[in-house]
Protein backbone atom coordinates (compact mmCIF):
# COMPACT_ATOMS: atom_id res chain seq x y z
CA MET A 1 4.95 -28.50 20.80
CA LYS A 2 3.35 -25.34 19.24
CA GLU A 3 3.05 -25.06 15.48
CA PRO A 4 4.86 -22.36 13.47
CA GLU A 5 2.89 -19.60 12.54
CA ALA A 6 1.57 -19.21 8.96
CA SER A 7 2.38 -16.15 7.07
CA PRO A 8 0.12 -13.20 7.75
CA TYR A 9 0.29 -12.28 3.97
CA SER A 10 -1.59 -14.62 1.96
CA PRO A 11 -1.04 -14.39 -2.05
CA ALA A 12 -4.31 -12.68 -2.40
CA GLN A 13 -3.11 -9.70 0.00
CA ILE A 14 -0.08 -9.38 -1.79
CA LYS A 15 -2.07 -9.02 -5.22
CA LYS A 16 -4.58 -6.53 -3.49
CA PHE A 17 -1.69 -4.56 -1.92
CA ILE A 18 0.04 -4.14 -5.54
CA GLU A 19 -3.00 -3.49 -7.31
CA GLU A 20 -3.85 -0.45 -4.48
CA VAL A 21 -0.09 0.70 -5.21
CA LYS A 22 -0.82 0.77 -9.01
CA VAL A 23 -4.01 3.04 -8.25
CA GLU A 24 -1.98 5.35 -6.03
CA PHE A 25 1.03 5.65 -8.60
CA PHE A 26 -1.14 6.89 -10.92
CA LYS A 27 -2.61 9.81 -8.68
CA ILE A 28 1.03 11.19 -8.69
CA VAL A 29 1.24 14.68 -10.02
CA TRP A 30 4.73 14.71 -11.41
CA PRO A 31 6.74 18.03 -12.29
CA ASP A 32 6.89 19.32 -15.24
CA ARG A 33 10.39 19.85 -16.56
CA LYS A 34 10.79 23.63 -16.08
CA MET A 35 9.97 23.15 -12.54
CA THR A 36 12.67 20.13 -12.35
CA LEU A 37 15.56 22.19 -13.85
CA GLY A 38 14.58 25.09 -11.28
CA LEU A 39 14.54 23.24 -8.27
CA THR A 40 17.60 21.26 -9.32
CA GLY A 41 19.24 24.71 -9.78
CA VAL A 42 18.04 25.59 -6.10
CA VAL A 43 19.80 22.30 -4.66
CA VAL A 44 22.86 22.96 -6.44
CA ALA A 45 23.19 26.67 -5.55
CA LEU A 46 22.43 25.73 -1.76
CA THR A 47 25.09 23.09 -1.85
CA VAL A 48 27.73 25.56 -3.34
CA VAL A 49 26.57 28.16 -0.52
CA ILE A 50 26.95 25.59 2.24
CA SER A 51 29.90 24.22 0.99
CA ILE A 52 31.78 27.46 0.99
CA TYR A 53 30.53 28.28 4.34
CA LEU A 54 31.57 25.26 5.85
CA GLY A 55 35.06 25.45 3.97
CA THR A 56 35.40 28.97 5.41
CA VAL A 57 34.65 28.05 9.13
CA ASP A 58 36.84 24.98 9.02
CA LEU A 59 39.73 27.23 7.41
CA LEU A 60 39.13 29.77 10.20
CA LEU A 61 38.84 27.22 13.18
CA GLY A 62 42.08 25.60 11.87
CA LYS A 63 43.80 28.79 12.05
CA VAL A 64 42.44 29.29 15.56
CA VAL A 65 43.87 25.83 16.48
CA ALA A 66 47.02 26.10 15.12
CA SER A 67 47.52 29.58 16.87
CA ILE A 68 46.58 28.42 20.28
CA LEU A 69 48.75 25.21 19.74
CA ARG A 70 51.97 27.09 18.86
């Protein structure tokens, strides 16, 4: 009978991984407040524009289908 395989992740490997994650985390260059607000504005504006576009297309296609089905 075959014995179950041991987990490939030992506590030492897990500890090393966590330490490496910490090192990489401190290398991150976080955006400043101005950039964050600017990019948030871009996302909101694009969301509004795309919503208006899709709403218009939906309205027009709904009218086309309704006129065909009459």
